[in-house]
Amino acid sequence: PCTLQEYSDLAEHPQPSDEYRKEVTAGSILY
């Protein structure tokens, strides 16, 4: 799960870098 909203961004999710993972999971209402 990620915080991205735009379809074009979601279509490229996930990406391998640690920086990317931290950016798209900076906050969560799911957990």
PDB file of all heavy atoms in Angstrom:
ATOM      1  N   PRO A   1       0.829  -1.211   0.000  1.00  0.00           N
ATOM      2  CA  PRO A   1       0.000   0.000   0.000  1.00  0.00           C
ATOM      3  C   PRO A   1       0.862   1.259   0.000  1.00  0.00           C
ATOM      4  O   PRO A   1       1.897   1.327   0.671  1.00  0.00           O
ATOM      5  CB  PRO A   1      -0.805  -0.101   1.305  1.00  0.00           C
ATOM      6  CG  PRO A   1      -0.729  -1.532   1.703  1.00  0.00           C
ATOM      7  CD  PRO A   1       0.587  -2.039   1.204  1.00  0.00           C
ATOM      8  N   CYS A   2       0.409   2.271  -0.746  1.00  0.00           N
ATOM      9  CA  CYS A   2       1.158   3.519  -0.850  1.00  0.00           C
ATOM     10  C   CYS A   2       0.196   4.706  -0.783  1.00  0.00           C
ATOM     11  O   CYS A   2      -1.017   4.548  -0.881  1.00  0.00           O
ATOM     12  CB  CYS A   2       1.949   3.565  -2.158  1.00  0.00           C
ATOM     13  SG  CYS A   2       0.905   3.552  -3.635  1.00  0.00           S
ATOM     14  N   THR A   3       0.756   5.896  -0.655  1.00  0.00           N
ATOM     15  CA  THR A   3      -0.059   7.108  -0.546  1.00  0.00           C
ATOM     16  C   THR A   3      -0.277   7.787  -1.888  1.00  0.00           C
ATOM     17  O   THR A   3      -0.871   8.870  -1.941  1.00  0.00           O
ATOM     18  CB  THR A   3       0.613   8.105   0.416  1.00  0.00           C
ATOM     19  OG1 THR A   3       1.930   8.402  -0.072  1.00  0.00           O
ATOM     20  CG2 THR A   3       0.698   7.533   1.816  1.00  0.00           C
ATOM     21  N   LEU A   4       0.199   7.211  -2.969  1.00  0.00           N
ATOM     22  CA  LEU A   4       0.037   7.810  -4.288  1.00  0.00           C
ATOM     23  C   LEU A   4      -1.448   7.885  -4.664  1.00  0.00           C
ATOM     24  O   LEU A   4      -2.232   7.020  -4.291  1.00  0.00           O
ATOM     25  CB  LEU A   4       0.791   6.987  -5.333  1.00  0.00           C
ATOM     26  CG  LEU A   4       2.306   6.876  -5.143  1.00  0.00           C
ATOM     27  CD1 LEU A   4       2.885   5.861  -6.116  1.00  0.00           C
ATOM     28  CD2 LEU A   4       2.960   8.237  -5.313  1.00  0.00           C
ATOM     29  N   GLN A   5      -1.807   8.915  -5.444  1.00  0.00           N
ATOM     30  CA  GLN A   5      -3.195   9.098  -5.852  1.00  0.00           C
ATOM     31  C   GLN A   5      -3.367   9.081  -7.375  1.00  0.00           C
ATOM     32  O   GLN A   5      -4.370   8.601  -7.882  1.00  0.00           O
ATOM     33  CB  GLN A   5      -3.738  10.429  -5.297  1.00  0.00           C
ATOM     34  CG  GLN A   5      -3.836  10.471  -3.783  1.00  0.00           C
ATOM     35  CD  GLN A   5      -4.835   9.465  -3.241  1.00  0.00           C
ATOM     36  OE1 GLN A   5      -5.876   9.231  -3.834  1.00  0.00           O
ATOM     37  NE2 GLN A   5      -4.509   8.857  -2.110  1.00  0.00           N
ATOM     38  N   GLU A   6      -2.434   9.647  -8.102  1.00  0.00           N
ATOM     39  CA  GLU A   6      -2.547   9.720  -9.549  1.00  0.00           C
ATOM     40  C   GLU A   6      -2.373   8.335 -10.179  1.00  0.00           C
ATOM     41  O   GLU A   6      -1.482   7.567  -9.804  1.00  0.00           O
ATOM     42  CB  GLU A   6      -1.500  10.678 -10.125  1.00  0.00           C
ATOM     43  CG  GLU A   6      -1.696  12.130  -9.710  1.00  0.00           C
ATOM     44  CD  GLU A   6      -2.989  12.708 -10.243  1.00  0.00           C
ATOM     45  OE1 GLU A   6      -3.423  12.288 -11.343  1.00  0.00           O
ATOM     46  OE2 GLU A   6      -3.586  13.556  -9.556  1.00  0.00           O
ATOM     47  N   TYR A   7      -3.215   8.045 -11.167  1.00  0.00           N
ATOM     48  CA  TYR A   7      -3.179   6.734 -11.805  1.00  0.00           C
ATOM     49  C   TYR A   7      -1.816   6.462 -12.452  1.00  0.00           C
ATOM     50  O   TYR A   7      -1.282   5.352 -12.359  1.00  0.00           O
ATOM     51  CB  TYR A   7      -4.287   6.636 -12.855  1.00  0.00           C
ATOM     52  CG  TYR A   7      -4.368   5.276 -13.510  1.00  0.00           C
ATOM     53  CD1 TYR A   7      -5.108   4.250 -12.936  1.00  0.00           C
ATOM     54  CD2 TYR A   7      -3.681   5.023 -14.700  1.00  0.00           C
ATOM     55  CE1 TYR A   7      -5.160   3.002 -13.535  1.00  0.00           C
ATOM     56  CE2 TYR A   7      -3.734   3.772 -15.299  1.00  0.00           C
ATOM     57  CZ  TYR A   7      -4.477   2.764 -14.716  1.00  0.00           C
ATOM     58  OH  TYR A   7      -4.525   1.528 -15.306  1.00  0.00           O
ATOM     59  N   SER A   8      -1.258   7.481 -13.090  1.00  0.00           N
ATOM     60  CA  SER A   8       0.038   7.291 -13.756  1.00  0.00           C
ATOM     61  C   SER A   8       1.127   6.936 -12.756  1.00  0.00           C
ATOM     62  O   SER A   8       2.033   6.133 -13.061  1.00  0.00           O
ATOM     63  CB  SER A   8       0.423   8.553 -14.526  1.00  0.00           C
ATOM     64  OG  SER A   8       0.458   9.679 -13.656  1.00  0.00           O
ATOM     65  N   ASP A   9       1.067   7.510 -11.561  1.00  0.00           N
ATOM     66  CA  ASP A   9       2.046   7.172 -10.515  1.00  0.00           C
ATOM     67  C   ASP A   9       1.811   5.758  -9.991  1.00  0.00           C
ATOM     68  O   ASP A   9       2.766   4.997  -9.768  1.00  0.00           O
ATOM     69  CB  ASP A   9       1.961   8.175  -9.369  1.00  0.00           C
ATOM     70  CG  ASP A   9       2.368   9.580  -9.779  1.00  0.00           C
ATOM     71  OD1 ASP A   9       3.187   9.700 -10.710  1.00  0.00           O
ATOM     72  OD2 ASP A   9       1.862  10.552  -9.191  1.00  0.00           O
ATOM     73  N   LEU A  10       0.548   5.425  -9.781  1.00  0.00           N
ATOM     74  CA  LEU A  10       0.227   4.084  -9.283  1.00  0.00           C
ATOM     75  C   LEU A  10       0.643   3.011 -10.284  1.00  0.00           C
ATOM     76  O   LEU A  10       1.047   1.905  -9.902  1.00  0.00           O
ATOM     77  CB  LEU A  10      -1.268   3.988  -8.995  1.00  0.00           C
ATOM     78  CG  LEU A  10      -1.775   4.751  -7.766  1.00  0.00           C
ATOM     79  CD1 LEU A  10      -3.295   4.853  -7.781  1.00  0.00           C
ATOM     80  CD2 LEU A  10      -1.306   4.066  -6.480  1.00  0.00           C
ATOM     81  N   ALA A  11       0.550   3.332 -11.580  1.00  0.00           N
ATOM     82  CA  ALA A  11       0.904   2.361 -12.614  1.00  0.00           C
ATOM     83  C   ALA A  11       2.389   2.000 -12.571  1.00  0.00           C
ATOM     84  O   ALA A  11       2.782   0.915 -13.021  1.00  0.00           O
ATOM     85  CB  ALA A  11       0.535   2.905 -13.991  1.00  0.00           C
ATOM     86  N   GLU A  12       3.226   2.887 -12.030  1.00  0.00           N
ATOM     87  CA  GLU A  12       4.666   2.646 -11.952  1.00  0.00           C
ATOM     88  C   GLU A  12       5.095   2.143 -10.578  1.00  0.00           C
ATOM     89  O   GLU A  12       6.285   1.982 -10.311  1.00  0.00           O
ATOM     90  CB  GLU A  12       5.423   3.934 -12.292  1.00  0.00           C
ATOM     91  CG  GLU A  12       5.175   4.405 -13.721  1.00  0.00           C
ATOM     92  CD  GLU A  12       5.901   5.713 -14.020  1.00  0.00           C
ATOM     93  OE1 GLU A  12       6.503   6.281 -13.080  1.00  0.00           O
ATOM     94  OE2 GLU A  12       5.863   6.154 -15.177  1.00  0.00           O
ATOM     95  N   HIS A  13       4.122   1.920  -9.702  1.00  0.00           N
ATOM     96  CA  HIS A  13       4.400   1.436  -8.348  1.00  0.00           C
ATOM     97  C   HIS A  13       4.453  -0.099  -8.355  1.00  0.00           C
ATOM     98  O   HIS A  13       3.659  -0.732  -9.049  1.00  0.00           O
ATOM     99  CB  HIS A  13       3.299   1.933  -7.411  1.00  0.00           C
ATOM    100  CG  HIS A  13       3.408   1.412  -6.012  1.00  0.00           C
ATOM    101  ND1 HIS A  13       4.318   1.898  -5.119  1.00  0.00           N
ATOM    102  CD2 HIS A  13       2.721   0.432  -5.370  1.00  0.00           C
ATOM    103  CE1 HIS A  13       4.168   1.260  -3.963  1.00  0.00           C
ATOM    104  NE2 HIS A  13       3.211   0.361  -4.095  1.00  0.00           N
ATOM    105  N   PRO A  14       5.401  -0.726  -7.613  1.00  0.00           N
ATOM    106  CA  PRO A  14       6.429  -0.121  -6.770  1.00  0.00           C
ATOM    107  C   PRO A  14       7.737   0.068  -7.540  1.00  0.00           C
ATOM    108  O   PRO A  14       7.927  -0.506  -8.608  1.00  0.00           O
ATOM    109  CB  PRO A  14       6.607  -1.167  -5.676  1.00  0.00           C
ATOM    110  CG  PRO A  14       6.334  -2.470  -6.371  1.00  0.00           C
ATOM    111  CD  PRO A  14       5.282  -2.179  -7.405  1.00  0.00           C
ATOM    112  N   GLN A  15       8.624   0.862  -6.953  1.00  0.00           N
ATOM    113  CA  GLN A  15       9.969   1.047  -7.489  1.00  0.00           C
ATOM    114  C   GLN A  15      10.987   0.592  -6.436  1.00  0.00           C
ATOM    115  O   GLN A  15      10.696   0.629  -5.234  1.00  0.00           O
ATOM    116  CB  GLN A  15      10.190   2.499  -7.884  1.00  0.00           C
ATOM    117  CG  GLN A  15       9.262   2.954  -9.017  1.00  0.00           C
ATOM    118  CD  GLN A  15       9.499   4.379  -9.432  1.00  0.00           C
ATOM    119  OE1 GLN A  15      10.572   4.939  -9.205  1.00  0.00           O
ATOM    120  NE2 GLN A  15       8.482   4.979 -10.056  1.00  0.00           N
ATOM    121  N   PRO A  16      12.177   0.199  -6.841  1.00  0.00           N
ATOM    122  CA  PRO A  16      13.073  -0.526  -5.931  1.00  0.00           C
ATOM    123  C   PRO A  16      13.812   0.302  -4.885  1.00  0.00           C
ATOM    124  O   PRO A  16      14.253  -0.242  -3.881  1.00  0.00           O
ATOM    125  CB  PRO A  16      14.079  -1.187  -6.891  1.00  0.00           C
ATOM    126  CG  PRO A  16      14.068  -0.307  -8.106  1.00  0.00           C
ATOM    127  CD  PRO A  16      12.670   0.208  -8.233  1.00  0.00           C
ATOM    128  N   SER A  17      13.979   1.607  -5.082  1.00  0.00           N
ATOM    129  CA  SER A  17      14.858   2.358  -4.177  1.00  0.00           C
ATOM    130  C   SER A  17      14.234   2.541  -2.795  1.00  0.00           C
ATOM    131  O   SER A  17      13.013   2.659  -2.651  1.00  0.00           O
ATOM    132  CB  SER A  17      15.182   3.723  -4.778  1.00  0.00           C
ATOM    133  OG  SER A  17      14.063   4.585  -4.703  1.00  0.00           O
ATOM    134  N   ASP A  18      15.099   2.594  -1.785  1.00  0.00           N
ATOM    135  CA  ASP A  18      14.644   2.813  -0.406  1.00  0.00           C
ATOM    136  C   ASP A  18      14.036   4.205  -0.240  1.00  0.00           C
ATOM    137  O   ASP A  18      13.077   4.382   0.514  1.00  0.00           O
ATOM    138  CB  ASP A  18      15.811   2.638   0.566  1.00  0.00           C
ATOM    139  CG  ASP A  18      16.219   1.183   0.720  1.00  0.00           C
ATOM    140  OD1 ASP A  18      15.373   0.302   0.399  1.00  0.00           O
ATOM    141  OD2 ASP A  18      17.363   0.929   1.137  1.00  0.00           O
ATOM    142  N   GLU A  19      14.606   5.179  -0.933  1.00  0.00           N
ATOM    143  CA  GLU A  19      14.069   6.539  -0.842  1.00  0.00           C
ATOM    144  C   GLU A  19      12.628   6.590  -1.357  1.00  0.00           C
ATOM    145  O   GLU A  19      11.773   7.259  -0.780  1.00  0.00           O
ATOM    146  CB  GLU A  19      14.960   7.507  -1.634  1.00  0.00           C
ATOM    147  CG  GLU A  19      16.323   7.753  -1.006  1.00  0.00           C
ATOM    148  CD  GLU A  19      17.120   8.792  -1.789  1.00  0.00           C
ATOM    149  OE1 GLU A  19      16.561   9.351  -2.767  1.00  0.00           O
ATOM    150  OE2 GLU A  19      18.271   9.034  -1.418  1.00  0.00           O
ATOM    151  N   TYR A  20      12.384   5.888  -2.455  1.00  0.00           N
ATOM    152  CA  TYR A  20      11.029   5.842  -3.012  1.00  0.00           C
ATOM    153  C   TYR A  20      10.074   5.190  -2.008  1.00  0.00           C
ATOM    154  O   TYR A  20       8.968   5.693  -1.757  1.00  0.00           O
ATOM    155  CB  TYR A  20      11.027   5.052  -4.317  1.00  0.00           C
ATOM    156  CG  TYR A  20       9.636   4.760  -4.849  1.00  0.00           C
ATOM    157  CD1 TYR A  20       8.955   5.683  -5.628  1.00  0.00           C
ATOM    158  CD2 TYR A  20       9.008   3.545  -4.550  1.00  0.00           C
ATOM    159  CE1 TYR A  20       7.680   5.412  -6.106  1.00  0.00           C
ATOM    160  CE2 TYR A  20       7.736   3.265  -5.020  1.00  0.00           C
ATOM    161  CZ  TYR A  20       7.072   4.210  -5.800  1.00  0.00           C
ATOM    162  OH  TYR A  20       5.804   3.942  -6.255  1.00  0.00           O
ATOM    163  N   ARG A  21      10.477   4.083  -1.416  1.00  0.00           N
ATOM    164  CA  ARG A  21       9.603   3.380  -0.472  1.00  0.00           C
ATOM    165  C   ARG A  21       9.252   4.268   0.714  1.00  0.00           C
ATOM    166  O   ARG A  21       8.106   4.293   1.166  1.00  0.00           O
ATOM    167  CB  ARG A  21      10.277   2.103   0.033  1.00  0.00           C
ATOM    168  CG  ARG A  21      10.369   1.031  -1.036  1.00  0.00           C
ATOM    169  CD  ARG A  21      10.302  -0.357  -0.442  1.00  0.00           C
ATOM    170  NE  ARG A  21      11.362  -0.630   0.523  1.00  0.00           N
ATOM    171  CZ  ARG A  21      11.402  -1.713   1.280  1.00  0.00           C
ATOM    172  NH1 ARG A  21      10.433  -2.610   1.191  1.00  0.00           N
ATOM    173  NH2 ARG A  21      12.404  -1.929   2.112  1.00  0.00           N
ATOM    174  N   LYS A  22      10.229   5.022   1.205  1.00  0.00           N
ATOM    175  CA  LYS A  22       9.950   5.911   2.337  1.00  0.00           C
ATOM    176  C   LYS A  22       9.032   7.058   1.930  1.00  0.00           C
ATOM    177  O   LYS A  22       8.175   7.493   2.702  1.00  0.00           O
ATOM    178  CB  LYS A  22      11.268   6.454   2.900  1.00  0.00           C
ATOM    179  CG  LYS A  22      12.114   5.399   3.600  1.00  0.00           C
ATOM    180  CD  LYS A  22      13.406   5.991   4.140  1.00  0.00           C
ATOM    181  CE  LYS A  22      14.235   4.934   4.849  1.00  0.00           C
ATOM    182  NZ  LYS A  22      15.515   5.485   5.379  1.00  0.00           N
ATOM    183  N   GLU A  23       9.213   7.543   0.704  1.00  0.00           N
ATOM    184  CA  GLU A  23       8.406   8.672   0.236  1.00  0.00           C
ATOM    185  C   GLU A  23       6.935   8.297   0.103  1.00  0.00           C
ATOM    186  O   GLU A  23       6.044   9.065   0.471  1.00  0.00           O
ATOM    187  CB  GLU A  23       8.945   9.167  -1.107  1.00  0.00           C
ATOM    188  CG  GLU A  23       8.178  10.358  -1.671  1.00  0.00           C
ATOM    189  CD  GLU A  23       8.711  10.797  -3.016  1.00  0.00           C
ATOM    190  OE1 GLU A  23       9.787  10.302  -3.424  1.00  0.00           O
ATOM    191  OE2 GLU A  23       8.046  11.620  -3.676  1.00  0.00           O
ATOM    192  N   VAL A  24       6.664   7.102  -0.444  1.00  0.00           N
ATOM    193  CA  VAL A  24       5.265   6.732  -0.711  1.00  0.00           C
ATOM    194  C   VAL A  24       4.608   6.034   0.485  1.00  0.00           C
ATOM    195  O   VAL A  24       3.444   5.625   0.402  1.00  0.00           O
ATOM    196  CB  VAL A  24       5.163   5.824  -1.953  1.00  0.00           C
ATOM    197  CG1 VAL A  24       5.700   6.544  -3.175  1.00  0.00           C
ATOM    198  CG2 VAL A  24       5.859   4.482  -1.740  1.00  0.00           C
ATOM    199  N   THR A  25       5.343   5.907   1.587  1.00  0.00           N
ATOM    200  CA  THR A  25       4.761   5.370   2.825  1.00  0.00           C
ATOM    201  C   THR A  25       5.064   6.279   4.002  1.00  0.00           C
ATOM    202  O   THR A  25       5.211   5.822   5.128  1.00  0.00           O
ATOM    203  CB  THR A  25       5.292   3.945   3.110  1.00  0.00           C
ATOM    204  OG1 THR A  25       6.731   3.991   3.213  1.00  0.00           O
ATOM    205  CG2 THR A  25       4.889   2.976   2.021  1.00  0.00           C
ATOM    206  N   ALA A  26       5.160   7.578   3.728  1.00  0.00           N
ATOM    207  CA  ALA A  26       5.501   8.525   4.795  1.00  0.00           C
ATOM    208  C   ALA A  26       4.418   8.610   5.859  1.00  0.00           C
ATOM    209  O   ALA A  26       4.686   8.953   7.021  1.00  0.00           O
ATOM    210  CB  ALA A  26       5.754   9.908   4.193  1.00  0.00           C
ATOM    211  N   GLY A  27       3.187   8.343   5.485  1.00  0.00           N
ATOM    212  CA  GLY A  27       2.077   8.351   6.429  1.00  0.00           C
ATOM    213  C   GLY A  27       1.125   7.217   6.098  1.00  0.00           C
ATOM    214  O   GLY A  27       1.097   6.710   4.980  1.00  0.00           O
ATOM    215  N   SER A  28       0.325   6.792   7.078  1.00  0.00           N
ATOM    216  CA  SER A  28      -0.606   5.700   6.839  1.00  0.00           C
ATOM    217  C   SER A  28      -1.849   5.839   7.696  1.00  0.00           C
ATOM    218  O   SER A  28      -1.763   6.104   8.902  1.00  0.00           O
ATOM    219  CB  SER A  28       0.052   4.341   7.130  1.00  0.00           C
ATOM    220  OG  SER A  28      -0.888   3.293   6.989  1.00  0.00           O
ATOM    221  N   ILE A  29      -3.011   5.683   7.060  1.00  0.00           N
ATOM    222  CA  ILE A  29      -4.253   5.518   7.820  1.00  0.00           C
ATOM    223  C   ILE A  29      -4.678   4.050   7.814  1.00  0.00           C
ATOM    224  O   ILE A  29      -5.541   3.642   8.588  1.00  0.00           O
ATOM    225  CB  ILE A  29      -5.389   6.394   7.253  1.00  0.00           C
ATOM    226  CG1 ILE A  29      -5.721   5.988   5.805  1.00  0.00           C
ATOM    227  CG2 ILE A  29      -5.045   7.863   7.358  1.00  0.00           C
ATOM    228  CD1 ILE A  29      -6.952   6.656   5.243  1.00  0.00           C
ATOM    229  N   LEU A  30      -4.063   3.254   6.925  1.00  0.00           N
ATOM    230  CA  LEU A  30      -4.441   1.848   6.820  1.00  0.00           C
ATOM    231  C   LEU A  30      -4.033   1.059   8.055  1.00  0.00           C
ATOM    232  O   LEU A  30      -4.868   0.369   8.666  1.00  0.00           O
ATOM    233  CB  LEU A  30      -3.803   1.227   5.572  1.00  0.00           C
ATOM    234  CG  LEU A  30      -4.003  -0.285   5.405  1.00  0.00           C
ATOM    235  CD1 LEU A  30      -5.475  -0.612   5.210  1.00  0.00           C
ATOM    236  CD2 LEU A  30      -3.168  -0.821   4.244  1.00  0.00           C
ATOM    237  N   TYR A  31      -2.766   1.165   8.451  1.00  0.00           N
ATOM    238  CA  TYR A  31      -2.291   0.336   9.558  1.00  0.00           C
ATOM    239  C   TYR A  31      -2.934   0.701  10.898  1.00  0.00           C
ATOM    240  O   TYR A  31      -3.285  -0.202  11.668  1.00  0.00           O
ATOM    241  CB  TYR A  31      -0.764   0.369   9.626  1.00  0.00           C
ATOM    242  CG  TYR A  31      -0.135  -0.399   8.492  1.00  0.00           C
ATOM    243  CD1 TYR A  31       0.551   0.248   7.470  1.00  0.00           C
ATOM    244  CD2 TYR A  31      -0.274  -1.781   8.413  1.00  0.00           C
ATOM    245  CE1 TYR A  31       1.103  -0.464   6.407  1.00  0.00           C
ATOM    246  CE2 TYR A  31       0.276  -2.497   7.354  1.00  0.00           C
ATOM    247  CZ  TYR A  31       0.952  -1.835   6.360  1.00  0.00           C
ATOM    248  OH  TYR A  31       1.477  -2.545   5.303  1.00  0.00           O
TER     249      TYR A  31
END
